[in-house]
C-alpha atoms as a PDB file:
ATOM      1  CA  MET A   1      -4.539   5.587  -2.527  1.00  0.00           C
ATOM      2  CA  GLU A   2      -5.044   2.681  -4.930  1.00  0.00           C
ATOM      3  CA  ILE A   3      -3.173   2.012  -8.128  1.00  0.00           C
ATOM      4  CA  ARG A   4      -5.113  -0.017 -10.612  1.00  0.00           C
ATOM      5  CA  THR A   5      -5.023  -1.024 -14.273  1.00  0.00           C
ATOM      6  CA  SER A   6      -6.997   1.570 -16.128  1.00  0.00           C
ATOM      7  CA  ASP A   7      -8.399   2.549 -19.478  1.00  0.00           C
ATOM      8  CA  PRO A   8      -6.626   5.666 -20.780  1.00  0.00           C
ATOM      9  CA  THR A   9      -9.820   6.696 -22.572  1.00  0.00           C
ATOM     10  CA  LEU A  10     -11.745   7.274 -19.430  1.00  0.00           C
ATOM     11  CA  PRO A  11     -12.823  10.873 -19.094  1.00  0.00           C
ATOM     12  CA  ALA A  12     -11.514  11.026 -15.472  1.00  0.00           C
ATOM     13  CA  LEU A  13      -7.972  10.295 -16.825  1.00  0.00           C
ATOM     14  CA  ARG A  14      -8.013  12.872 -19.664  1.00  0.00           C
ATOM     15  CA  PRO A  15      -6.781  15.763 -17.524  1.00  0.00           C
ATOM     16  CA  LEU A  16      -3.756  13.660 -16.486  1.00  0.00           C
ATOM     17  CA  ILE A  17      -2.898  12.544 -19.990  1.00  0.00           C
ATOM     18  CA  GLU A  18      -3.429  16.084 -21.409  1.00  0.00           C
ATOM     19  CA  GLY A  19      -1.418  17.606 -18.558  1.00  0.00           C
ATOM     20  CA  ASN A  20       1.438  15.331 -19.289  1.00  0.00           C
ATOM     21  CA  GLN A  21       1.305  16.129 -23.000  1.00  0.00           C
ATOM     22  CA  SER A  22       1.187  19.930 -22.147  1.00  0.00           C
ATOM     23  CA  HIS A  23       4.167  19.507 -19.849  1.00  0.00           C
ATOM     24  CA  GLY A  24       6.190  17.725 -22.495  1.00  0.00           C
ATOM     25  CA  ALA A  25       5.295  20.236 -25.189  1.00  0.00           C
ATOM     26  CA  ALA A  26       6.300  23.148 -22.951  1.00  0.00           C
ATOM     27  CA  ALA A  27       9.569  21.608 -21.634  1.00  0.00           C
ATOM     28  CA  THR A  28      11.309  20.481 -24.855  1.00  0.00           C
ATOM     29  CA  ALA A  29      11.498  20.943 -28.560  1.00  0.00           C
ATOM     30  CA  THR A  30       8.830  19.183 -30.674  1.00  0.00           C
ATOM     31  CA  ASP A  31      11.144  16.661 -32.190  1.00  0.00           C
ATOM     32  CA  SER A  32      12.469  15.723 -28.709  1.00  0.00           C
ATOM     33  CA  ASP A  33       8.971  15.410 -27.157  1.00  0.00           C
ATOM     34  CA  HIS A  34       8.101  11.714 -26.904  1.00  0.00           C
ATOM     35  CA  THR A  35       4.969  12.060 -24.730  1.00  0.00           C
ATOM     36  CA  PHE A  36       2.204   9.551 -25.363  1.00  0.00           C
ATOM     37  CA  GLY A  37      -1.473  10.555 -25.911  1.00  0.00           C
ATOM     38  CA  VAL A  38      -4.581   8.456 -25.396  1.00  0.00           C
ATOM     39  CA  GLU A  39      -4.186   6.586 -28.707  1.00  0.00           C
ATOM     40  CA  ASP A  40      -0.567   5.524 -27.923  1.00  0.00           C
ATOM     41  CA  LEU A  41      -1.560   4.581 -24.379  1.00  0.00           C
ATOM     42  CA  SER A  42      -4.411   2.411 -25.771  1.00  0.00           C
ATOM     43  CA  HIS A  43      -1.988   0.314 -27.794  1.00  0.00           C
ATOM     44  CA  PRO A  44      -2.086  -3.478 -26.952  1.00  0.00           C
ATOM     45  CA  ALA A  45       1.754  -3.387 -26.171  1.00  0.00           C
ATOM     46  CA  VAL A  46       1.086  -0.809 -23.456  1.00  0.00           C
ATOM     47  CA  ARG A  47      -0.121  -1.407 -19.879  1.00  0.00           C
ATOM     48  CA  PHE A  48      -1.688   1.701 -18.352  1.00  0.00           C
ATOM     49  CA  PHE A  49      -2.246   2.330 -14.621  1.00  0.00           C
ATOM     50  CA  ALA A  50      -3.701   5.202 -12.640  1.00  0.00           C
ATOM     51  CA  ALA A  51      -3.534   6.149  -8.988  1.00  0.00           C
ATOM     52  CA  PHE A  52      -6.871   6.924  -7.445  1.00  0.00           C
ATOM     53  CA  GLU A  53      -8.057   8.378  -4.112  1.00  0.00           C
ATOM     54  CA  GLY A  54     -11.648   7.224  -4.098  1.00  0.00           C
ATOM     55  CA  GLU A  55     -12.703   8.010  -7.705  1.00  0.00           C
ATOM     56  CA  THR A  56     -10.386  11.003  -7.974  1.00  0.00           C
ATOM     57  CA  ALA A  57      -7.490  10.291 -10.365  1.00  0.00           C
ATOM     58  CA  LEU A  58      -4.147  11.508  -8.879  1.00  0.00           C
ATOM     59  CA  GLY A  59      -1.695  10.223 -11.363  1.00  0.00           C
ATOM     60  CA  CYS A  60      -0.885   7.812 -14.105  1.00  0.00           C
ATOM     61  CA  GLY A  61       1.880   5.793 -15.687  1.00  0.00           C
ATOM     62  CA  ALA A  62       2.375   3.018 -18.201  1.00  0.00           C
ATOM     63  CA  PHE A  63       4.895   0.737 -19.694  1.00  0.00           C
ATOM     64  CA  LYS A  64       5.381  -0.403 -23.198  1.00  0.00           C
ATOM     65  CA  ALA A  65       6.828  -3.733 -24.241  1.00  0.00           C
ATOM     66  CA  LEU A  66      10.030  -3.530 -26.307  1.00  0.00           C
ATOM     67  CA  ARG A  67      11.468  -6.179 -28.591  1.00  0.00           C
ATOM     68  CA  ASP A  68      14.612  -6.679 -26.451  1.00  0.00           C
ATOM     69  CA  GLY A  69      12.638  -7.985 -23.461  1.00  0.00           C
ATOM     70  CA  THR A  70      12.559  -4.650 -21.607  1.00  0.00           C
ATOM     71  CA  ALA A  71       9.647  -2.338 -21.057  1.00  0.00           C
ATOM     72  CA  GLU A  72       9.705   1.406 -21.527  1.00  0.00           C
ATOM     73  CA  VAL A  73       8.164   3.609 -18.819  1.00  0.00           C
ATOM     74  CA  LYS A  74       5.781   6.139 -20.449  1.00  0.00           C
ATOM     75  CA  SER A  75       3.433   8.969 -19.298  1.00  0.00           C
ATOM     76  CA  VAL A  76       4.210   9.153 -15.571  1.00  0.00           C
ATOM     77  CA  PHE A  77       2.319  12.212 -14.473  1.00  0.00           C
ATOM     78  CA  VAL A  78       0.895  13.452 -11.173  1.00  0.00           C
ATOM     79  CA  CYS A  79      -1.810  16.211 -10.957  1.00  0.00           C
ATOM     80  CA  LYS A  80      -0.657  19.394  -9.201  1.00  0.00           C
ATOM     81  CA  THR A  81      -2.864  18.930  -6.195  1.00  0.00           C
ATOM     82  CA  ALA A  82      -1.290  15.551  -5.433  1.00  0.00           C
ATOM     83  CA  ARG A  83       2.387  16.399  -5.871  1.00  0.00           C
ATOM     84  CA  GLY A  84       4.669  16.022  -2.933  1.00  0.00           C
ATOM     85  CA  ARG A  85       2.702  13.094  -1.518  1.00  0.00           C
ATOM     86  CA  GLY A  86       4.817  10.300  -2.957  1.00  0.00           C
ATOM     87  CA  VAL A  87       2.400   9.478  -5.783  1.00  0.00           C
ATOM     88  CA  ALA A  88       5.109   9.368  -8.490  1.00  0.00           C
ATOM     89  CA  LYS A  89       7.296   7.090  -6.415  1.00  0.00           C
ATOM     90  CA  ARG A  90       4.363   4.737  -5.749  1.00  0.00           C
ATOM     91  CA  LEU A  91       3.421   4.721  -9.457  1.00  0.00           C
ATOM     92  CA  MET A  92       7.130   3.968 -10.403  1.00  0.00           C
ATOM     93  CA  ASP A  93       7.365   1.179  -7.846  1.00  0.00           C
ATOM     94  CA  HIS A  94       4.084  -0.280  -9.113  1.00  0.00           C
ATOM     95  CA  LEU A  95       5.283  -0.179 -12.781  1.00  0.00           C
ATOM     96  CA  ALA A  96       8.510  -2.021 -11.761  1.00  0.00           C
ATOM     97  CA  SER A  97       6.543  -4.639  -9.770  1.00  0.00           C
ATOM     98  CA  GLN A  98       4.087  -5.206 -12.661  1.00  0.00           C
ATOM     99  CA  ALA A  99       6.837  -5.328 -15.328  1.00  0.00           C
ATOM    100  CA  ALA A 100       8.829  -7.834 -13.264  1.00  0.00           C
ATOM    101  CA  LYS A 101       5.755  -9.988 -12.826  1.00  0.00           C
ATOM    102  CA  ALA A 102       5.220  -9.828 -16.577  1.00  0.00           C
ATOM    103  CA  GLY A 103       8.756 -11.181 -17.126  1.00  0.00           C
ATOM    104  CA  PHE A 104      10.559  -8.084 -18.402  1.00  0.00           C
ATOM    105  CA  SER A 105      14.216  -7.926 -17.636  1.00  0.00           C
ATOM    106  CA  ALA A 106      14.449  -4.193 -17.069  1.00  0.00           C
ATOM    107  CA  LEU A 107      12.500  -0.917 -17.192  1.00  0.00           C
ATOM    108  CA  VAL A 108      13.955   1.716 -19.432  1.00  0.00           C
ATOM    109  CA  LEU A 109      12.961   5.313 -19.983  1.00  0.00           C
ATOM    110  CA  GLU A 110      13.613   8.492 -21.826  1.00  0.00           C
ATOM    111  CA  THR A 111      13.238  11.817 -19.964  1.00  0.00           C
ATOM    112  CA  GLY A 112      14.404  15.332 -20.406  1.00  0.00           C
ATOM    113  CA  SER A 113      18.164  15.854 -20.028  1.00  0.00           C
ATOM    114  CA  SER A 114      19.840  18.491 -17.834  1.00  0.00           C
ATOM    115  CA  LEU A 115      19.109  20.876 -20.629  1.00  0.00           C
ATOM    116  CA  CYS A 116      15.522  20.577 -19.634  1.00  0.00           C
ATOM    117  CA  PRO A 117      15.265  21.814 -16.012  1.00  0.00           C
ATOM    118  CA  GLU A 118      11.624  20.927 -15.952  1.00  0.00           C
ATOM    119  CA  TYR A 119      12.704  17.303 -15.622  1.00  0.00           C
ATOM    120  CA  ASP A 120      15.196  17.713 -12.764  1.00  0.00           C
ATOM    121  CA  ALA A 121      12.764  16.333 -10.143  1.00  0.00           C
ATOM    122  CA  ALA A 122      11.856  13.336 -12.355  1.00  0.00           C
ATOM    123  CA  ARG A 123      15.544  12.516 -12.966  1.00  0.00           C
ATOM    124  CA  ALA A 124      16.261  12.818  -9.227  1.00  0.00           C
ATOM    125  CA  LEU A 125      13.369  10.440  -8.479  1.00  0.00           C
ATOM    126  CA  TYR A 126      14.565   7.876 -10.981  1.00  0.00           C
ATOM    127  CA  GLU A 127      18.090   8.018  -9.580  1.00  0.00           C
ATOM    128  CA  ARG A 128      16.776   7.494  -6.006  1.00  0.00           C
ATOM    129  CA  LEU A 129      14.852   4.473  -7.315  1.00  0.00           C
ATOM    130  CA  GLY A 130      18.044   2.914  -8.674  1.00  0.00           C
ATOM    131  CA  TYR A 131      17.869   3.840 -12.362  1.00  0.00           C
ATOM    132  CA  ALA A 132      21.225   4.317 -14.064  1.00  0.00           C
ATOM    133  CA  TYR A 133      22.004   6.384 -17.064  1.00  0.00           C
ATOM    134  CA  CYS A 134      22.360   4.325 -20.260  1.00  0.00           C
ATOM    135  CA  PRO A 135      22.754   4.741 -24.056  1.00  0.00           C
ATOM    136  CA  PRO A 136      19.576   5.459 -26.132  1.00  0.00           C
ATOM    137  CA  ILE A 137      16.921   2.798 -25.821  1.00  0.00           C
ATOM    138  CA  GLU A 138      14.959   1.047 -28.594  1.00  0.00           C
ATOM    139  CA  GLY A 139      13.261   3.515 -30.843  1.00  0.00           C
ATOM    140  CA  TYR A 140      15.507   6.529 -29.955  1.00  0.00           C
ATOM    141  CA  GLY A 141      18.636   8.109 -31.212  1.00  0.00           C
ATOM    142  CA  GLU A 142      21.186  10.481 -29.586  1.00  0.00           C
ATOM    143  CA  ASP A 143      19.468  13.676 -28.509  1.00  0.00           C
ATOM    144  CA  PRO A 144      20.965  16.310 -26.267  1.00  0.00           C
ATOM    145  CA  MET A 145      17.552  17.110 -24.927  1.00  0.00           C
ATOM    146  CA  SER A 146      17.074  13.364 -23.775  1.00  0.00           C
ATOM    147  CA  ALA A 147      18.398  11.273 -20.970  1.00  0.00           C
ATOM    148  CA  PHE A 148      18.014   7.537 -20.991  1.00  0.00           C
ATOM    149  CA  MET A 149      17.886   5.446 -17.839  1.00  0.00           C
ATOM    150  CA  ARG A 150      17.601   1.717 -16.980  1.00  0.00           C
ATOM    151  CA  LEU A 151      16.469  -0.307 -13.929  1.00  0.00           C
ATOM    152  CA  PRO A 152      17.205  -3.981 -13.988  1.00  0.00           C
ATOM    153  CA  LEU A 153      14.303  -5.972 -12.632  1.00  0.00           C
ATOM    154  CA  PRO A 154      14.456  -9.200 -10.548  1.00  0.00           C
ATOM    155  CA  VAL A 155      14.530 -12.364 -12.586  1.00  0.00           C
ATOM    156  CA  LYS A 156      11.321 -14.448 -12.324  1.00  0.00           C
ATOM    157  CA  GLY A 157      12.026 -17.746 -10.714  1.00  0.00           C
END
């Protein structure tokens, strides 16, 4: 498996992005769904990556630069056929590595709270990776459907 910087407009990545959007729409209320689509993922402040096996896209993830020097994790999604193979963990590790290299102080994220059982596995992964729960991050307010997490990144030196 290879993780590489990718263009979210590529046809091979559309099923991943649409799958992520469908998951978000099904798992939470519309005003609590903060899932990015292709247009958002194409924004200059966003770095988008995809995991490939050959030319088959297995998963994707991105981070968005925030004004406070952190980067927000967005659109981490793995296709059903690749789940259980560690793809999400590898994507998250890659995002942390790339964000640290880019000089961000931390990765932050919004995910579904315990009121959204569809996000239990995601929260468990983030906890195993060292993310800690935190107050709402830039661009969000309090929402019982949302959990916010933060992972400090190593200081570039």
